[in-house]
């Protein structure tokens, strides 16, 4: 759902909030691969909120949907239980 151009717009927001945030074509490609399944409006909203509240730049995980993180936590719990 999220295009490379939309990730660039998120990077612009992050760069304005954190001048030392480094941007490169490789980083843009990596972030796009990991955010392309996300809702662009939701990611931008999270980026803007992060800039207002945090003293460090966001990670990809900070910008992904909560449901995705909950699904990952459930999977980790499954593997933990399966290892017993």
N, C-alpha and C. Protein backbone atom coordinates (compact mmCIF):
# COMPACT_ATOMS: atom_id res chain seq x y z
N UNK A 1 0.82 -1.20 0.00
CA UNK A 1 0.00 0.00 0.00
C UNK A 1 0.87 1.26 0.00
N UNK A 2 1.98 1.25 0.66
CA UNK A 2 2.82 2.43 0.77
C UNK A 2 3.84 2.46 -0.36
N UNK A 3 3.91 3.60 -1.07
CA UNK A 3 4.85 3.73 -2.18
C UNK A 3 6.20 4.25 -1.70
N UNK A 4 7.17 4.15 -2.58
CA UNK A 4 8.52 4.66 -2.27
C UNK A 4 8.46 6.18 -2.04
N UNK A 5 7.65 6.88 -2.82
CA UNK A 5 7.50 8.33 -2.67
C UNK A 5 6.90 8.69 -1.32
N UNK A 6 5.99 7.88 -0.83
CA UNK A 6 5.40 8.13 0.49
C UNK A 6 6.42 7.89 1.60
N UNK A 7 7.28 6.90 1.42
CA UNK A 7 8.35 6.67 2.40
C UNK A 7 9.31 7.87 2.38
N UNK A 8 9.57 8.42 1.19
CA UNK A 8 10.41 9.63 1.10
C UNK A 8 9.80 10.77 1.90
N UNK A 9 8.49 10.93 1.83
CA UNK A 9 7.81 11.98 2.59
C UNK A 9 7.97 11.75 4.10
N UNK A 10 7.90 10.49 4.52
CA UNK A 10 8.12 10.16 5.93
C UNK A 10 9.55 10.51 6.32
N UNK A 11 10.51 10.16 5.46
CA UNK A 11 11.91 10.50 5.71
C UNK A 11 12.10 12.01 5.86
N UNK A 12 11.41 12.77 5.04
CA UNK A 12 11.51 14.23 5.11
C UNK A 12 11.04 14.73 6.48
N UNK A 13 9.94 14.19 6.95
CA UNK A 13 9.42 14.55 8.28
C UNK A 13 10.43 14.18 9.36
N UNK A 14 10.98 12.97 9.27
CA UNK A 14 11.96 12.53 10.28
C UNK A 14 13.20 13.41 10.22
N UNK A 15 13.67 13.72 9.02
CA UNK A 15 14.88 14.54 8.85
C UNK A 15 14.68 15.94 9.43
N UNK A 16 13.49 16.53 9.25
CA UNK A 16 13.22 17.84 9.83
C UNK A 16 13.26 17.79 11.35
N UNK A 17 12.76 16.72 11.92
CA UNK A 17 12.73 16.58 13.37
C UNK A 17 14.06 16.17 13.97
N UNK A 18 14.84 15.43 13.20
CA UNK A 18 16.13 14.90 13.66
C UNK A 18 17.17 15.16 12.58
N UNK A 19 17.80 16.33 12.59
CA UNK A 19 18.73 16.71 11.52
C UNK A 19 19.86 15.71 11.27
N UNK A 20 20.23 14.92 12.26
CA UNK A 20 21.31 13.95 12.08
C UNK A 20 20.83 12.62 11.48
N UNK A 21 19.54 12.48 11.25
CA UNK A 21 18.99 11.27 10.64
C UNK A 21 19.54 11.16 9.22
N UNK A 22 20.24 10.07 8.95
CA UNK A 22 20.87 9.88 7.65
C UNK A 22 19.92 9.23 6.67
N UNK A 23 19.94 9.74 5.45
CA UNK A 23 19.10 9.22 4.38
C UNK A 23 20.01 8.80 3.23
N UNK A 24 19.74 7.63 2.69
CA UNK A 24 20.48 7.14 1.52
C UNK A 24 19.51 6.33 0.66
N UNK A 25 19.85 6.13 -0.61
CA UNK A 25 18.98 5.31 -1.45
C UNK A 25 18.80 3.89 -0.89
N UNK A 26 19.87 3.34 -0.32
CA UNK A 26 19.79 1.99 0.24
C UNK A 26 18.85 1.95 1.45
N UNK A 27 18.95 2.97 2.29
CA UNK A 27 18.08 3.04 3.47
C UNK A 27 16.63 3.22 3.04
N UNK A 28 16.40 4.05 2.05
CA UNK A 28 15.05 4.26 1.53
C UNK A 28 14.48 2.94 0.99
N UNK A 29 15.28 2.20 0.25
CA UNK A 29 14.82 0.91 -0.28
C UNK A 29 14.48 -0.06 0.85
N UNK A 30 15.34 -0.11 1.86
CA UNK A 30 15.11 -1.02 2.99
C UNK A 30 13.83 -0.65 3.74
N UNK A 31 13.67 0.64 4.03
CA UNK A 31 12.46 1.07 4.74
C UNK A 31 11.22 0.81 3.90
N UNK A 32 11.31 1.06 2.59
CA UNK A 32 10.16 0.82 1.72
C UNK A 32 9.77 -0.65 1.74
N UNK A 33 10.74 -1.55 1.64
CA UNK A 33 10.44 -2.99 1.69
C UNK A 33 9.71 -3.37 2.98
N UNK A 34 10.07 -2.70 4.07
CA UNK A 34 9.50 -3.05 5.37
C UNK A 34 8.25 -2.27 5.75
N UNK A 35 7.92 -1.26 4.96
CA UNK A 35 6.71 -0.47 5.23
C UNK A 35 5.69 -0.54 4.10
N UNK A 36 6.02 -1.20 3.01
CA UNK A 36 5.13 -1.16 1.84
C UNK A 36 3.75 -1.76 2.09
N UNK A 37 3.61 -2.59 3.11
CA UNK A 37 2.30 -3.18 3.41
C UNK A 37 1.50 -2.35 4.41
N UNK A 38 2.01 -1.18 4.77
CA UNK A 38 1.36 -0.35 5.78
C UNK A 38 0.51 0.75 5.15
N UNK A 39 -0.40 1.31 5.94
CA UNK A 39 -1.23 2.43 5.52
C UNK A 39 -0.39 3.70 5.59
N UNK A 40 -0.20 4.42 4.47
CA UNK A 40 0.65 5.61 4.45
C UNK A 40 0.23 6.70 5.44
N UNK A 41 -1.06 6.93 5.56
CA UNK A 41 -1.54 7.97 6.47
C UNK A 41 -1.21 7.60 7.92
N UNK A 42 -1.37 6.34 8.26
CA UNK A 42 -1.06 5.87 9.60
C UNK A 42 0.42 6.01 9.91
N UNK A 43 1.27 5.62 8.96
CA UNK A 43 2.73 5.73 9.15
C UNK A 43 3.14 7.19 9.34
N UNK A 44 2.60 8.08 8.50
CA UNK A 44 2.96 9.50 8.62
C UNK A 44 2.48 10.06 9.95
N UNK A 45 1.29 9.70 10.36
CA UNK A 45 0.77 10.17 11.65
C UNK A 45 1.68 9.72 12.80
N UNK A 46 2.11 8.46 12.75
CA UNK A 46 3.01 7.94 13.79
C UNK A 46 4.36 8.65 13.75
N UNK A 47 4.87 8.95 12.55
CA UNK A 47 6.15 9.66 12.42
C UNK A 47 6.04 11.06 13.02
N UNK A 48 4.96 11.76 12.70
CA UNK A 48 4.77 13.12 13.23
C UNK A 48 4.63 13.11 14.75
N UNK A 49 3.89 12.16 15.27
CA UNK A 49 3.72 12.05 16.72
C UNK A 49 5.06 11.71 17.39
N UNK A 50 5.81 10.82 16.77
CA UNK A 50 7.12 10.43 17.31
C UNK A 50 8.05 11.64 17.40
N UNK A 51 8.07 12.46 16.35
CA UNK A 51 8.92 13.66 16.34
C UNK A 51 8.54 14.60 17.48
N UNK A 52 7.27 14.68 17.79
CA UNK A 52 6.81 15.57 18.85
C UNK A 52 7.15 15.05 20.25
N UNK A 53 7.25 13.73 20.39
CA UNK A 53 7.35 13.14 21.74
C UNK A 53 8.70 12.51 22.09
N UNK A 54 9.51 12.19 21.11
CA UNK A 54 10.75 11.44 21.37
C UNK A 54 11.98 12.26 21.01
N UNK A 55 13.07 11.98 21.68
CA UNK A 55 14.32 12.69 21.41
C UNK A 55 15.22 11.92 20.45
N UNK A 56 14.73 10.80 19.91
CA UNK A 56 15.51 9.98 18.99
C UNK A 56 14.61 9.61 17.80
N UNK A 57 15.19 9.37 16.64
CA UNK A 57 14.38 9.04 15.47
C UNK A 57 13.64 7.72 15.62
N UNK A 58 12.53 7.55 14.91
CA UNK A 58 11.78 6.30 14.99
C UNK A 58 12.48 5.17 14.22
N UNK A 59 12.18 3.96 14.63
CA UNK A 59 12.60 2.78 13.87
C UNK A 59 11.43 2.35 12.99
N UNK A 60 11.68 1.41 12.13
CA UNK A 60 10.61 0.85 11.31
C UNK A 60 9.51 0.29 12.21
N UNK A 61 9.92 -0.41 13.25
CA UNK A 61 8.95 -1.01 14.18
C UNK A 61 8.07 0.06 14.84
N UNK A 62 8.65 1.23 15.12
CA UNK A 62 7.86 2.31 15.73
C UNK A 62 6.74 2.78 14.80
N UNK A 63 6.95 2.63 13.50
CA UNK A 63 5.99 3.16 12.53
C UNK A 63 5.03 2.12 11.98
N UNK A 64 5.30 0.86 12.23
CA UNK A 64 4.40 -0.20 11.75
C UNK A 64 3.13 -0.24 12.60
N UNK A 65 2.08 -0.83 12.06
CA UNK A 65 0.82 -0.88 12.78
C UNK A 65 0.94 -1.74 14.03
N UNK A 66 0.15 -1.41 15.01
CA UNK A 66 0.15 -2.15 16.27
C UNK A 66 -0.24 -3.61 16.06
N UNK A 67 -1.19 -3.86 15.17
CA UNK A 67 -1.63 -5.23 14.90
C UNK A 67 -0.45 -6.07 14.43
N UNK A 68 0.38 -5.54 13.57
CA UNK A 68 1.55 -6.27 13.09
C UNK A 68 2.46 -6.64 14.25
N UNK A 69 2.69 -5.71 15.19
CA UNK A 69 3.55 -5.99 16.34
C UNK A 69 2.90 -7.04 17.24
N UNK A 70 1.57 -6.98 17.41
CA UNK A 70 0.87 -7.97 18.23
C UNK A 70 0.96 -9.35 17.59
N UNK A 71 0.83 -9.41 16.27
CA UNK A 71 0.95 -10.68 15.56
C UNK A 71 2.34 -11.26 15.76
N UNK A 72 3.38 -10.42 15.70
CA UNK A 72 4.76 -10.87 15.91
C UNK A 72 4.95 -11.38 17.33
N UNK A 73 4.36 -10.70 18.30
CA UNK A 73 4.47 -11.13 19.69
C UNK A 73 3.80 -12.49 19.89
N UNK A 74 2.67 -12.68 19.27
CA UNK A 74 1.96 -13.95 19.39
C UNK A 74 2.79 -15.07 18.76
N UNK A 75 3.41 -14.79 17.64
CA UNK A 75 4.24 -15.79 16.98
C UNK A 75 5.44 -16.14 17.85
N UNK A 76 6.09 -15.14 18.44
CA UNK A 76 7.23 -15.39 19.33
C UNK A 76 6.79 -16.24 20.52
N UNK A 77 5.62 -15.96 21.06
CA UNK A 77 5.09 -16.73 22.19
C UNK A 77 4.83 -18.18 21.77
N UNK A 78 4.32 -18.35 20.55
CA UNK A 78 4.07 -19.69 20.03
C UNK A 78 5.36 -20.50 19.97
N UNK A 79 6.41 -19.89 19.42
CA UNK A 79 7.69 -20.60 19.29
C UNK A 79 8.31 -20.88 20.65
N UNK A 80 8.13 -19.96 21.58
CA UNK A 80 8.65 -20.15 22.93
C UNK A 80 7.97 -21.36 23.58
N UNK A 81 6.65 -21.43 23.47
CA UNK A 81 5.90 -22.56 24.04
C UNK A 81 6.23 -23.86 23.33
N UNK A 82 6.45 -23.80 22.03
CA UNK A 82 6.74 -24.98 21.24
C UNK A 82 8.12 -25.57 21.59
N UNK A 83 9.04 -24.72 22.06
CA UNK A 83 10.39 -25.16 22.40
C UNK A 83 10.45 -25.95 23.70
N UNK A 84 9.40 -25.87 24.51
CA UNK A 84 9.39 -26.55 25.82
C UNK A 84 9.23 -28.04 25.69
